[in-house]
Protein backbone atom coordinates (compact mmCIF):
# COMPACT_ATOMS: atom_id res chain seq x y z
CA UNK A 1 4.15 3.89 -23.46
CA UNK A 2 2.87 0.29 -23.45
CA UNK A 3 2.63 0.28 -19.64
CA UNK A 4 6.45 0.29 -19.34
CA UNK A 5 6.59 3.27 -17.00
CA UNK A 6 4.82 4.41 -13.89
CA UNK A 7 3.19 2.53 -11.09
CA UNK A 8 1.73 -0.96 -11.58
CA UNK A 9 -1.93 -1.09 -12.56
CA UNK A 10 -4.41 -3.57 -13.97
CA UNK A 11 -4.93 -3.41 -17.73
CA UNK A 12 -7.23 -5.28 -20.09
CA UNK A 13 -5.93 -8.02 -22.38
CA UNK A 14 -5.63 -7.22 -26.05
CA UNK A 15 -7.98 -8.81 -28.57
CA UNK A 16 -5.03 -10.68 -30.06
CA UNK A 17 -4.36 -12.41 -26.74
CA UNK A 18 -7.80 -14.06 -27.00
CA UNK A 19 -7.46 -15.07 -30.66
CA UNK A 20 -7.18 -18.88 -30.74
CA UNK A 21 -5.43 -18.96 -34.13
CA UNK A 22 -2.76 -16.49 -33.00
CA UNK A 23 -2.29 -18.47 -29.77
CA UNK A 24 -1.69 -21.67 -31.73
CA UNK A 25 0.74 -20.00 -34.14
CA UNK A 26 2.70 -18.45 -31.27
CA UNK A 27 2.89 -21.82 -29.51
CA UNK A 28 4.08 -23.58 -32.68
CA UNK A 29 6.77 -20.96 -33.37
CA UNK A 30 7.91 -21.09 -29.74
CA UNK A 31 8.26 -24.87 -29.91
CA UNK A 32 10.16 -24.63 -33.17
CA UNK A 33 12.58 -21.98 -31.92
CA UNK A 34 13.27 -23.63 -28.56
CA UNK A 35 13.21 -27.24 -29.72
CA UNK A 36 10.92 -28.07 -26.79
CA UNK A 37 7.46 -29.53 -27.34
CA UNK A 38 4.70 -29.54 -24.78
CA UNK A 39 1.19 -30.76 -25.61
CA UNK A 40 -1.60 -28.34 -24.79
């Protein structure tokens, strides 16, 4: 289940992890929730 069990192995990245819009939204929410800004 979601690579949470068993021995370590290499897996492919999800499509969402390569989506630039999702990356930017995640970064913005993370900055807002932590109160820490870091230019990327």
